[in-house]
Amino acid sequence: ISTDSILAITNSYLSLARGSKNLKQEAIALSYLGLVAQQSGDLERSVTIHKEAIKIAEDNDYPIVKINLLITTSGIWYRFNEIDSALYYVDEAIALAKIGNFKKEYARALQEKASLLVSNGIYGPAVQHYRRAAKTYTEIGDLKGEALIQLNIGQIYYDNEEFDKAAKYFTMSDAYFKETNEPFSIGRI
């Protein structure tokens, strides 16, 4: 599907949301529109659109939507090598999720921050964020989230040639994946 087709579909979605005065859907549609701008390489437009969506979510008390928009905006900044801005948005998401006790979003935001840190070679704090995310995934019974976290921690240790630690985390990840009956597992790579 072409970018023009995606843009047309997204604009239709946005028009429907605005026409029905559904502000939550408008914020989500704007996020999609921002992602299309990002895919086209237009950072400024993408971020501007996301800021508009974040404001709608904030003004209308949609905290989970706002958290997800903050995480998405963080990823956009990262893709354009604006690490400080990426960390700012993900830190906002972490704080909002923690205050609101939105555990799934909290875990996801911690996971996003850990990924940002790994991509910048900051492994110790990344592992700490991954562990906090893993603990939260465990609390909410999300075995797949837990499996992915263990896999990511294992990869950090593997990349740093700490093979015994890597094997431990890869084995834990494999066990979680098998327990969830997910098609992906270390043993099936």
C-alpha atoms as a PDB file:
ATOM      1  CA  ILE A   1       0.000   0.000   0.000  1.00  0.00           C
ATOM      2  CA  SER A   2       1.390   3.409  -0.946  1.00  0.00           C
ATOM      3  CA  THR A   3       2.066   6.315   1.395  1.00  0.00           C
ATOM      4  CA  ASP A   4      -0.595   8.315  -0.463  1.00  0.00           C
ATOM      5  CA  SER A   5      -3.163   5.580   0.200  1.00  0.00           C
ATOM      6  CA  ILE A   6      -2.228   5.420   3.866  1.00  0.00           C
ATOM      7  CA  LEU A   7      -2.444   9.211   4.073  1.00  0.00           C
ATOM      8  CA  ALA A   8      -5.906   9.190   2.466  1.00  0.00           C
ATOM      9  CA  ILE A   9      -7.165   6.499   4.853  1.00  0.00           C
ATOM     10  CA  THR A  10      -5.705   8.323   7.856  1.00  0.00           C
ATOM     11  CA  ASN A  11      -7.241  11.636   6.798  1.00  0.00           C
ATOM     12  CA  SER A  12     -10.618   9.899   6.398  1.00  0.00           C
ATOM     13  CA  TYR A  13     -10.281   8.456   9.902  1.00  0.00           C
ATOM     14  CA  LEU A  14      -9.414  11.910  11.240  1.00  0.00           C
ATOM     15  CA  SER A  15     -12.416  13.474   9.453  1.00  0.00           C
ATOM     16  CA  LEU A  16     -14.743  10.835  10.889  1.00  0.00           C
ATOM     17  CA  ALA A  17     -13.376  11.385  14.400  1.00  0.00           C
ATOM     18  CA  ARG A  18     -13.751  15.151  14.094  1.00  0.00           C
ATOM     19  CA  GLY A  19     -17.201  14.831  12.510  1.00  0.00           C
ATOM     20  CA  SER A  20     -18.429  12.687  15.368  1.00  0.00           C
ATOM     21  CA  LYS A  21     -16.689  14.960  17.906  1.00  0.00           C
ATOM     22  CA  ASN A  22     -14.881  11.939  19.330  1.00  0.00           C
ATOM     23  CA  LEU A  23     -11.790  13.615  20.770  1.00  0.00           C
ATOM     24  CA  LYS A  24     -10.172  10.373  21.879  1.00  0.00           C
ATOM     25  CA  GLN A  25     -10.351   8.990  18.332  1.00  0.00           C
ATOM     26  CA  GLU A  26      -9.199  12.351  16.970  1.00  0.00           C
ATOM     27  CA  ALA A  27      -6.051  12.150  19.102  1.00  0.00           C
ATOM     28  CA  ILE A  28      -5.414   8.603  17.905  1.00  0.00           C
ATOM     29  CA  ALA A  29      -6.041   9.563  14.259  1.00  0.00           C
ATOM     30  CA  LEU A  30      -3.624  12.477  14.620  1.00  0.00           C
ATOM     31  CA  SER A  31      -1.014  10.064  15.937  1.00  0.00           C
ATOM     32  CA  TYR A  32      -1.416   7.942  12.809  1.00  0.00           C
ATOM     33  CA  LEU A  33      -1.110  11.058  10.679  1.00  0.00           C
ATOM     34  CA  GLY A  34       2.054  11.975  12.576  1.00  0.00           C
ATOM     35  CA  LEU A  35       3.489   8.537  11.909  1.00  0.00           C
ATOM     36  CA  VAL A  36       2.828   8.975   8.190  1.00  0.00           C
ATOM     37  CA  ALA A  37       4.733  12.283   8.338  1.00  0.00           C
ATOM     38  CA  GLN A  38       7.567  10.518  10.150  1.00  0.00           C
ATOM     39  CA  GLN A  39       7.687   7.788   7.485  1.00  0.00           C
ATOM     40  CA  SER A  40       7.965  10.558   4.894  1.00  0.00           C
ATOM     41  CA  GLY A  41      10.954  11.983   6.769  1.00  0.00           C
ATOM     42  CA  ASP A  42       9.198  15.101   8.033  1.00  0.00           C
ATOM     43  CA  LEU A  43      10.222  15.250  11.692  1.00  0.00           C
ATOM     44  CA  GLU A  44       8.890  18.748  12.319  1.00  0.00           C
ATOM     45  CA  ARG A  45       5.412  17.945  10.975  1.00  0.00           C
ATOM     46  CA  SER A  46       5.317  14.599  12.756  1.00  0.00           C
ATOM     47  CA  VAL A  47       6.206  16.099  16.131  1.00  0.00           C
ATOM     48  CA  THR A  48       3.819  19.036  15.652  1.00  0.00           C
ATOM     49  CA  ILE A  49       0.961  16.650  14.916  1.00  0.00           C
ATOM     50  CA  HIS A  50       1.834  14.478  17.914  1.00  0.00           C
ATOM     51  CA  LYS A  51       1.978  17.508  20.198  1.00  0.00           C
ATOM     52  CA  GLU A  52      -1.540  18.420  19.041  1.00  0.00           C
ATOM     53  CA  ALA A  53      -2.704  14.873  19.790  1.00  0.00           C
ATOM     54  CA  ILE A  54      -1.025  14.937  23.222  1.00  0.00           C
ATOM     55  CA  LYS A  55      -2.765  18.242  24.033  1.00  0.00           C
ATOM     56  CA  ILE A  56      -6.158  16.769  23.086  1.00  0.00           C
ATOM     57  CA  ALA A  57      -5.513  13.740  25.298  1.00  0.00           C
ATOM     58  CA  GLU A  58      -4.343  15.935  28.168  1.00  0.00           C
ATOM     59  CA  ASP A  59      -7.161  18.479  27.903  1.00  0.00           C
ATOM     60  CA  ASN A  60      -9.808  15.759  27.833  1.00  0.00           C
ATOM     61  CA  ASP A  61      -8.420  13.490  30.542  1.00  0.00           C
ATOM     62  CA  TYR A  62      -7.355  10.530  28.410  1.00  0.00           C
ATOM     63  CA  PRO A  63      -4.231   9.567  30.376  1.00  0.00           C
ATOM     64  CA  ILE A  64      -3.640   6.201  28.720  1.00  0.00           C
ATOM     65  CA  VAL A  65      -3.923   7.774  25.272  1.00  0.00           C
ATOM     66  CA  LYS A  66      -1.512  10.504  26.389  1.00  0.00           C
ATOM     67  CA  ILE A  67       0.995   7.963  27.716  1.00  0.00           C
ATOM     68  CA  ASN A  68       0.911   6.030  24.451  1.00  0.00           C
ATOM     69  CA  LEU A  69       1.312   9.253  22.459  1.00  0.00           C
ATOM     70  CA  LEU A  70       4.294  10.261  24.601  1.00  0.00           C
ATOM     71  CA  ILE A  71       5.923   6.875  23.977  1.00  0.00           C
ATOM     72  CA  THR A  72       5.258   7.153  20.240  1.00  0.00           C
ATOM     73  CA  THR A  73       6.649  10.704  20.152  1.00  0.00           C
ATOM     74  CA  SER A  74       9.736   9.499  21.987  1.00  0.00           C
ATOM     75  CA  GLY A  75      10.260   6.912  19.264  1.00  0.00           C
ATOM     76  CA  ILE A  76       9.916   9.548  16.564  1.00  0.00           C
ATOM     77  CA  TRP A  77      12.563  11.733  18.182  1.00  0.00           C
ATOM     78  CA  TYR A  78      14.831   8.694  18.457  1.00  0.00           C
ATOM     79  CA  ARG A  79      14.445   7.836  14.764  1.00  0.00           C
ATOM     80  CA  PHE A  80      15.733  11.318  13.968  1.00  0.00           C
ATOM     81  CA  ASN A  81      18.670  10.927  16.400  1.00  0.00           C
ATOM     82  CA  GLU A  82      17.270  13.451  18.885  1.00  0.00           C
ATOM     83  CA  ILE A  83      18.061  11.365  21.968  1.00  0.00           C
ATOM     84  CA  ASP A  84      17.529  14.075  24.597  1.00  0.00           C
ATOM     85  CA  SER A  85      14.048  14.797  23.237  1.00  0.00           C
ATOM     86  CA  ALA A  86      13.286  11.072  23.034  1.00  0.00           C
ATOM     87  CA  LEU A  87      14.283  10.625  26.681  1.00  0.00           C
ATOM     88  CA  TYR A  88      12.218  13.658  27.724  1.00  0.00           C
ATOM     89  CA  TYR A  89       9.024  12.227  26.217  1.00  0.00           C
ATOM     90  CA  VAL A  90       9.556   8.713  27.544  1.00  0.00           C
ATOM     91  CA  ASP A  91      10.317  10.067  31.015  1.00  0.00           C
ATOM     92  CA  GLU A  92       7.019  11.996  30.878  1.00  0.00           C
ATOM     93  CA  ALA A  93       5.244   8.750  29.934  1.00  0.00           C
ATOM     94  CA  ILE A  94       6.904   6.862  32.795  1.00  0.00           C
ATOM     95  CA  ALA A  95       5.916   9.544  35.320  1.00  0.00           C
ATOM     96  CA  LEU A  96       2.314   9.770  34.135  1.00  0.00           C
ATOM     97  CA  ALA A  97       1.893   5.987  34.066  1.00  0.00           C
ATOM     98  CA  LYS A  98       3.365   5.652  37.548  1.00  0.00           C
ATOM     99  CA  ILE A  99       1.183   8.414  39.010  1.00  0.00           C
ATOM    100  CA  GLY A 100      -1.952   6.926  37.417  1.00  0.00           C
ATOM    101  CA  ASN A 101      -0.979   3.363  38.319  1.00  0.00           C
ATOM    102  CA  PHE A 102      -1.339   2.292  34.678  1.00  0.00           C
ATOM    103  CA  LYS A 103       0.877  -0.751  34.996  1.00  0.00           C
ATOM    104  CA  LYS A 104       0.837  -2.012  31.423  1.00  0.00           C
ATOM    105  CA  GLU A 105       1.710   1.438  30.081  1.00  0.00           C
ATOM    106  CA  TYR A 106       4.293   1.872  32.839  1.00  0.00           C
ATOM    107  CA  ALA A 107       6.019  -1.348  31.816  1.00  0.00           C
ATOM    108  CA  ARG A 108       5.894  -0.374  28.159  1.00  0.00           C
ATOM    109  CA  ALA A 109       7.384   3.072  28.888  1.00  0.00           C
ATOM    110  CA  LEU A 110      10.171   1.541  30.991  1.00  0.00           C
ATOM    111  CA  GLN A 111      10.865  -0.894  28.170  1.00  0.00           C
ATOM    112  CA  GLU A 112      11.036   1.985  25.674  1.00  0.00           C
ATOM    113  CA  LYS A 113      13.455   3.907  27.891  1.00  0.00           C
ATOM    114  CA  ALA A 114      15.638   0.835  28.304  1.00  0.00           C
ATOM    115  CA  SER A 115      15.756   0.420  24.530  1.00  0.00           C
ATOM    116  CA  LEU A 116      16.793   4.060  24.125  1.00  0.00           C
ATOM    117  CA  LEU A 117      19.554   3.584  26.686  1.00  0.00           C
ATOM    118  CA  VAL A 118      20.794   0.389  25.008  1.00  0.00           C
ATOM    119  CA  SER A 119      20.924   2.122  21.640  1.00  0.00           C
ATOM    120  CA  ASN A 120      23.250   4.668  23.249  1.00  0.00           C
ATOM    121  CA  GLY A 121      25.479   2.088  24.928  1.00  0.00           C
ATOM    122  CA  ILE A 122      24.183   2.820  28.442  1.00  0.00           C
ATOM    123  CA  TYR A 123      23.739  -0.781  29.538  1.00  0.00           C
ATOM    124  CA  GLY A 124      23.615  -0.715  33.357  1.00  0.00           C
ATOM    125  CA  PRO A 125      20.660   1.693  33.625  1.00  0.00           C
ATOM    126  CA  ALA A 126      19.021  -0.071  30.676  1.00  0.00           C
ATOM    127  CA  VAL A 127      19.081  -3.378  32.538  1.00  0.00           C
ATOM    128  CA  GLN A 128      17.620  -1.641  35.615  1.00  0.00           C
ATOM    129  CA  HIS A 129      14.733  -0.250  33.537  1.00  0.00           C
ATOM    130  CA  TYR A 130      14.176  -3.626  31.901  1.00  0.00           C
ATOM    131  CA  ARG A 131      14.060  -5.278  35.336  1.00  0.00           C
ATOM    132  CA  ARG A 132      11.488  -2.746  36.579  1.00  0.00           C
ATOM    133  CA  ALA A 133       9.446  -3.439  33.449  1.00  0.00           C
ATOM    134  CA  ALA A 134       9.787  -7.202  33.997  1.00  0.00           C
ATOM    135  CA  LYS A 135       8.590  -6.865  37.584  1.00  0.00           C
ATOM    136  CA  THR A 136       5.579  -4.880  36.396  1.00  0.00           C
ATOM    137  CA  TYR A 137       4.770  -7.377  33.637  1.00  0.00           C
ATOM    138  CA  THR A 138       4.920 -10.120  36.276  1.00  0.00           C
ATOM    139  CA  GLU A 139       2.519  -8.169  38.520  1.00  0.00           C
ATOM    140  CA  ILE A 140      -0.044  -7.922  35.727  1.00  0.00           C
ATOM    141  CA  GLY A 141       0.453 -11.495  34.522  1.00  0.00           C
ATOM    142  CA  ASP A 142       1.847 -10.573  31.105  1.00  0.00           C
ATOM    143  CA  LEU A 143       4.116 -13.518  30.338  1.00  0.00           C
ATOM    144  CA  LYS A 144       4.824 -12.395  26.785  1.00  0.00           C
ATOM    145  CA  GLY A 145       6.011  -8.993  28.050  1.00  0.00           C
ATOM    146  CA  GLU A 146       8.153 -10.767  30.630  1.00  0.00           C
ATOM    147  CA  ALA A 147       9.608 -13.062  27.942  1.00  0.00           C
ATOM    148  CA  LEU A 148      10.546 -10.135  25.713  1.00  0.00           C
ATOM    149  CA  ILE A 149      12.212  -8.333  28.606  1.00  0.00           C
ATOM    150  CA  GLN A 150      14.278 -11.392  29.543  1.00  0.00           C
ATOM    151  CA  LEU A 151      15.268 -11.751  25.882  1.00  0.00           C
ATOM    152  CA  ASN A 152      16.384  -8.099  25.770  1.00  0.00           C
ATOM    153  CA  ILE A 153      18.405  -8.422  28.970  1.00  0.00           C
ATOM    154  CA  GLY A 154      20.003 -11.586  27.603  1.00  0.00           C
ATOM    155  CA  GLN A 155      20.925  -9.728  24.425  1.00  0.00           C
ATOM    156  CA  ILE A 156      22.641  -6.972  26.427  1.00  0.00           C
ATOM    157  CA  TYR A 157      24.746  -9.539  28.259  1.00  0.00           C
ATOM    158  CA  TYR A 158      25.461 -11.408  25.028  1.00  0.00           C
ATOM    159  CA  ASP A 159      26.581  -8.217  23.261  1.00  0.00           C
ATOM    160  CA  ASN A 160      28.878  -7.489  26.211  1.00  0.00           C
ATOM    161  CA  GLU A 161      30.304 -11.022  26.038  1.00  0.00           C
ATOM    162  CA  GLU A 162      28.865 -12.046  29.395  1.00  0.00           C
ATOM    163  CA  PHE A 163      27.731 -15.340  27.947  1.00  0.00           C
ATOM    164  CA  ASP A 164      26.809 -17.114  31.199  1.00  0.00           C
ATOM    165  CA  LYS A 165      24.459 -14.276  32.159  1.00  0.00           C
ATOM    166  CA  ALA A 166      23.114 -14.134  28.601  1.00  0.00           C
ATOM    167  CA  ALA A 167      22.357 -17.862  28.652  1.00  0.00           C
ATOM    168  CA  LYS A 168      20.484 -17.462  31.948  1.00  0.00           C
ATOM    169  CA  TYR A 169      18.200 -14.752  30.538  1.00  0.00           C
ATOM    170  CA  PHE A 170      17.748 -16.473  27.182  1.00  0.00           C
ATOM    171  CA  THR A 171      16.710 -19.630  29.027  1.00  0.00           C
ATOM    172  CA  MET A 172      14.211 -17.689  31.164  1.00  0.00           C
ATOM    173  CA  SER A 173      12.823 -16.018  28.047  1.00  0.00           C
ATOM    174  CA  ASP A 174      12.480 -19.350  26.300  1.00  0.00           C
ATOM    175  CA  ALA A 175      10.575 -20.789  29.266  1.00  0.00           C
ATOM    176  CA  TYR A 176       8.171 -17.831  29.290  1.00  0.00           C
ATOM    177  CA  PHE A 177       7.573 -18.098  25.547  1.00  0.00           C
ATOM    178  CA  LYS A 178       6.875 -21.816  25.841  1.00  0.00           C
ATOM    179  CA  GLU A 179       4.455 -21.157  28.706  1.00  0.00           C
ATOM    180  CA  THR A 180       2.524 -18.637  26.608  1.00  0.00           C
ATOM    181  CA  ASN A 181       2.406 -20.986  23.595  1.00  0.00           C
ATOM    182  CA  GLU A 182       3.744 -18.159  21.458  1.00  0.00           C
ATOM    183  CA  PRO A 183       5.325 -19.220  18.170  1.00  0.00           C
ATOM    184  CA  PHE A 184       8.617 -17.455  19.028  1.00  0.00           C
ATOM    185  CA  SER A 185      11.061 -19.059  21.382  1.00  0.00           C
ATOM    186  CA  ILE A 186      14.833 -19.127  21.690  1.00  0.00           C
ATOM    187  CA  GLY A 187      14.722 -22.888  21.184  1.00  0.00           C
ATOM    188  CA  ARG A 188      12.918 -22.415  17.867  1.00  0.00           C
ATOM    189  CA  ILE A 189      15.181 -19.824  16.248  1.00  0.00           C
END
